C-alpha atoms as a PDB file:
ATOM      1  CA  MET A   1       8.501   9.757  23.535  1.00  0.00           C
ATOM      2  CA  LEU A   2      11.314   9.884  21.722  1.00  0.00           C
ATOM      3  CA  TYR A   3      10.528   6.577  20.264  1.00  0.00           C
ATOM      4  CA  VAL A   4       6.699   7.548  19.459  1.00  0.00           C
ATOM      5  CA  LEU A   5       8.956  10.880  17.234  1.00  0.00           C
ATOM      6  CA  THR A   6      11.078   8.157  15.800  1.00  0.00           C
ATOM      7  CA  TYR A   7       8.544   6.488  14.349  1.00  0.00           C
ATOM      8  CA  ILE A   8       6.687   9.026  12.864  1.00  0.00           C
ATOM      9  CA  GLU A   9       9.465  10.151  11.738  1.00  0.00           C
ATOM     10  CA  ILE A  10      10.214   6.840  10.284  1.00  0.00           C
ATOM     11  CA  ASP A  11       6.537   6.486   8.664  1.00  0.00           C
ATOM     12  CA  VAL A  12       7.637   9.966   7.538  1.00  0.00           C
ATOM     13  CA  PHE A  13      10.726   9.400   5.566  1.00  0.00           C
ATOM     14  CA  CYS A  14       8.047   5.953   3.649  1.00  0.00           C
ATOM     15  CA  LEU A  15       5.922   8.284   3.296  1.00  0.00           C
ATOM     16  CA  LEU A  16       8.920  10.656   1.337  1.00  0.00           C
ATOM     17  CA  PHE A  17      11.108   7.596   0.070  1.00  0.00           C
ATOM     18  CA  LEU A  18       7.172   6.615  -2.381  1.00  0.00           C
ATOM     19  CA  ALA A  19       7.229  10.206  -2.649  1.00  0.00           C
ATOM     20  CA  HIS A  20       9.607   9.597  -4.873  1.00  0.00           C
ATOM     21  CA  ILE A  21       9.134   6.448  -6.172  1.00  0.00           C
ATOM     22  CA  LEU A  22       6.164   8.012  -7.619  1.00  0.00           C
ATOM     23  CA  LEU A  23       7.041  10.914  -9.298  1.00  0.00           C
ATOM     24  CA  LYS A  24      10.280   8.453 -10.221  1.00  0.00           C
ATOM     25  CA  THR A  25       6.992   6.647 -12.770  1.00  0.00           C
ATOM     26  CA  GLN A  26       6.425   9.305 -14.789  1.00  0.00           C
ATOM     27  CA  GLY A  27       9.147   7.865 -17.350  1.00  0.00           C
ATOM     28  CA  PHE A  28       8.133   3.854 -16.655  1.00  0.00           C
ATOM     29  CA  SER A  29       8.607   1.571 -19.128  1.00  0.00           C
ATOM     30  CA  GLY A  30       5.692  -1.037 -19.251  1.00  0.00           C
ATOM     31  CA  THR A  31       1.787  -0.330 -21.210  1.00  0.00           C
ATOM     32  CA  GLU A  32      -1.033   2.546 -19.160  1.00  0.00           C
ATOM     33  CA  GLN A  33      -2.346  -0.321 -17.097  1.00  0.00           C
ATOM     34  CA  GLU A  34       0.892  -1.649 -15.614  1.00  0.00           C
ATOM     35  CA  VAL A  35       1.959   2.097 -14.594  1.00  0.00           C
ATOM     36  CA  LEU A  36      -1.745   2.633 -13.304  1.00  0.00           C
ATOM     37  CA  THR A  37      -1.518  -0.960 -10.903  1.00  0.00           C
ATOM     38  CA  PHE A  38       1.946   0.088  -9.549  1.00  0.00           C
ATOM     39  CA  LYS A  39       0.550   3.720  -8.671  1.00  0.00           C
ATOM     40  CA  LYS A  40      -2.244   2.481  -7.077  1.00  0.00           C
ATOM     41  CA  VAL A  41      -0.257   0.195  -4.614  1.00  0.00           C
ATOM     42  CA  ILE A  42       2.212   2.946  -4.159  1.00  0.00           C
ATOM     43  CA  TYR A  43      -0.548   5.164  -2.914  1.00  0.00           C
ATOM     44  CA  LEU A  44      -2.331   2.312  -0.682  1.00  0.00           C
ATOM     45  CA  SER A  45       0.800   2.608   0.894  1.00  0.00           C
ATOM     46  CA  MET A  46       1.329   6.439   1.279  1.00  0.00           C
ATOM     47  CA  GLY A  47      -2.731   5.481   3.076  1.00  0.00           C
ATOM     48  CA  ILE A  48      -1.265   2.486   4.997  1.00  0.00           C
ATOM     49  CA  LEU A  49       1.866   5.012   6.540  1.00  0.00           C
ATOM     50  CA  LEU A  50      -0.785   7.789   7.287  1.00  0.00           C
ATOM     51  CA  THR A  51      -2.943   5.862   9.068  1.00  0.00           C
ATOM     52  CA  ASP A  52      -0.323   4.338  11.231  1.00  0.00           C
ATOM     53  CA  ILE A  53       1.092   7.290  11.771  1.00  0.00           C
ATOM     54  CA  ILE A  54      -2.263   8.213  13.483  1.00  0.00           C
ATOM     55  CA  TRP A  55      -2.234   5.206  14.631  1.00  0.00           C
ATOM     56  CA  MET A  56       1.010   5.571  16.767  1.00  0.00           C
ATOM     57  CA  MET A  57      -0.261   9.001  17.629  1.00  0.00           C
ATOM     58  CA  THR A  58      -3.233   8.044  19.112  1.00  0.00           C
ATOM     59  CA  GLU A  59      -1.375   4.897  21.265  1.00  0.00           C
ATOM     60  CA  ASN A  60       0.551   7.182  23.061  1.00  0.00           C
ATOM     61  CA  GLY A  61      -1.679  10.026  23.430  1.00  0.00           C
ATOM     62  CA  ILE A  62      -0.495  13.039  21.263  1.00  0.00           C
ATOM     63  CA  ILE A  63      -4.194  12.598  19.655  1.00  0.00           C
ATOM     64  CA  GLU A  64      -7.290  11.388  22.054  1.00  0.00           C
ATOM     65  CA  ARG A  65      -7.418   7.804  21.926  1.00  0.00           C
ATOM     66  CA  GLN A  66     -11.327   6.791  21.309  1.00  0.00           C
ATOM     67  CA  MET A  67     -12.278   3.560  20.819  1.00  0.00           C
ATOM     68  CA  ALA A  68     -14.163   4.840  17.377  1.00  0.00           C
ATOM     69  CA  LEU A  69     -11.296   5.721  16.108  1.00  0.00           C
ATOM     70  CA  ASP A  70      -9.651   2.671  16.804  1.00  0.00           C
ATOM     71  CA  TYR A  71     -11.674   0.849  15.180  1.00  0.00           C
ATOM     72  CA  ILE A  72     -12.313   2.635  11.965  1.00  0.00           C
ATOM     73  CA  LEU A  73      -8.276   3.375  11.849  1.00  0.00           C
ATOM     74  CA  ASN A  74      -8.504  -0.699  11.472  1.00  0.00           C
ATOM     75  CA  ILE A  75     -11.205  -0.553   9.604  1.00  0.00           C
ATOM     76  CA  ILE A  76      -9.524   1.436   6.917  1.00  0.00           C
ATOM     77  CA  TYR A  77      -5.651  -0.051   7.531  1.00  0.00           C
ATOM     78  CA  TYR A  78      -7.027  -4.195   6.689  1.00  0.00           C
ATOM     79  CA  ILE A  79      -9.460  -2.844   4.418  1.00  0.00           C
ATOM     80  CA  LEU A  80      -5.807  -0.629   2.400  1.00  0.00           C
ATOM     81  CA  MET A  81      -3.474  -3.801   2.594  1.00  0.00           C
ATOM     82  CA  THR A  82      -5.544  -6.111   1.425  1.00  0.00           C
ATOM     83  CA  VAL A  83      -6.921  -3.801  -1.722  1.00  0.00           C
ATOM     84  CA  MET A  84      -3.068  -3.305  -1.667  1.00  0.00           C
ATOM     85  CA  ALA A  85      -2.429  -6.885  -1.922  1.00  0.00           C
ATOM     86  CA  PHE A  86      -4.723  -8.166  -4.519  1.00  0.00           C
ATOM     87  CA  CYS A  87      -2.882  -4.776  -6.711  1.00  0.00           C
ATOM     88  CA  TRP A  88       0.011  -6.039  -6.047  1.00  0.00           C
ATOM     89  CA  LEU A  89      -1.312  -9.458  -7.095  1.00  0.00           C
ATOM     90  CA  LYS A  90      -3.041  -7.251 -10.579  1.00  0.00           C
ATOM     91  CA  TYR A  91       0.867  -5.871 -11.134  1.00  0.00           C
ATOM     92  CA  ILE A  92       2.975  -8.922 -11.444  1.00  0.00           C
ATOM     93  CA  ASP A  93       0.037 -10.695 -12.941  1.00  0.00           C
ATOM     94  CA  LEU A  94       0.298  -7.837 -16.132  1.00  0.00           C
ATOM     95  CA  ARG A  95       3.593  -7.741 -16.100  1.00  0.00           C
ATOM     96  CA  LEU A  96       5.111 -11.455 -16.265  1.00  0.00           C
ATOM     97  CA  HIS A  97       2.126 -12.416 -18.572  1.00  0.00           C
ATOM     98  CA  TRP A  98       0.996 -15.889 -17.065  1.00  0.00           C
ATOM     99  CA  LYS A  99      -2.008 -16.273 -19.591  1.00  0.00           C
ATOM    100  CA  HIS A 100       0.640 -17.141 -21.627  1.00  0.00           C
ATOM    101  CA  MET A 101       3.041 -19.014 -18.585  1.00  0.00           C
ATOM    102  CA  MET A 102       0.958 -21.789 -17.830  1.00  0.00           C
ATOM    103  CA  LYS A 103      -1.170 -24.450 -19.205  1.00  0.00           C
ATOM    104  CA  ASN A 104      -3.376 -25.701 -16.784  1.00  0.00           C
ATOM    105  CA  ASP A 105      -7.105 -23.657 -16.632  1.00  0.00           C
ATOM    106  CA  PHE A 106      -6.842 -24.316 -13.490  1.00  0.00           C
ATOM    107  CA  PHE A 107      -3.993 -22.663 -12.319  1.00  0.00           C
ATOM    108  CA  ARG A 108      -5.102 -20.040 -15.086  1.00  0.00           C
ATOM    109  CA  ASN A 109      -8.479 -19.604 -13.725  1.00  0.00           C
ATOM    110  CA  LEU A 110      -7.273 -19.796 -10.081  1.00  0.00           C
ATOM    111  CA  PHE A 111      -5.139 -16.561 -10.846  1.00  0.00           C
ATOM    112  CA  LEU A 112      -6.607 -14.781 -13.833  1.00  0.00           C
END
């Protein structure tokens, strides 16, 4: 049971750290679209951590374990992870301006 509390404490610490980063993005230098995309990544990461906390609580009996809840948590987790990866790719695209760096049309169409 001690490892469960440690696991949850680490996730809560990460949530607080992400909230701190989110507050510090107010003076972020970049375009408005870059800032919004970065904030989406932070919010999605927080959602992933919250589903991770709930999963750990159901896995160890703190919350009553039900198969439907397990399936729903897994679906939410994978959707959040996929959308976060896409938003991160979008943020990197906005930040690096790949449109000007890539000369080959194949790679430009693949990533943009």
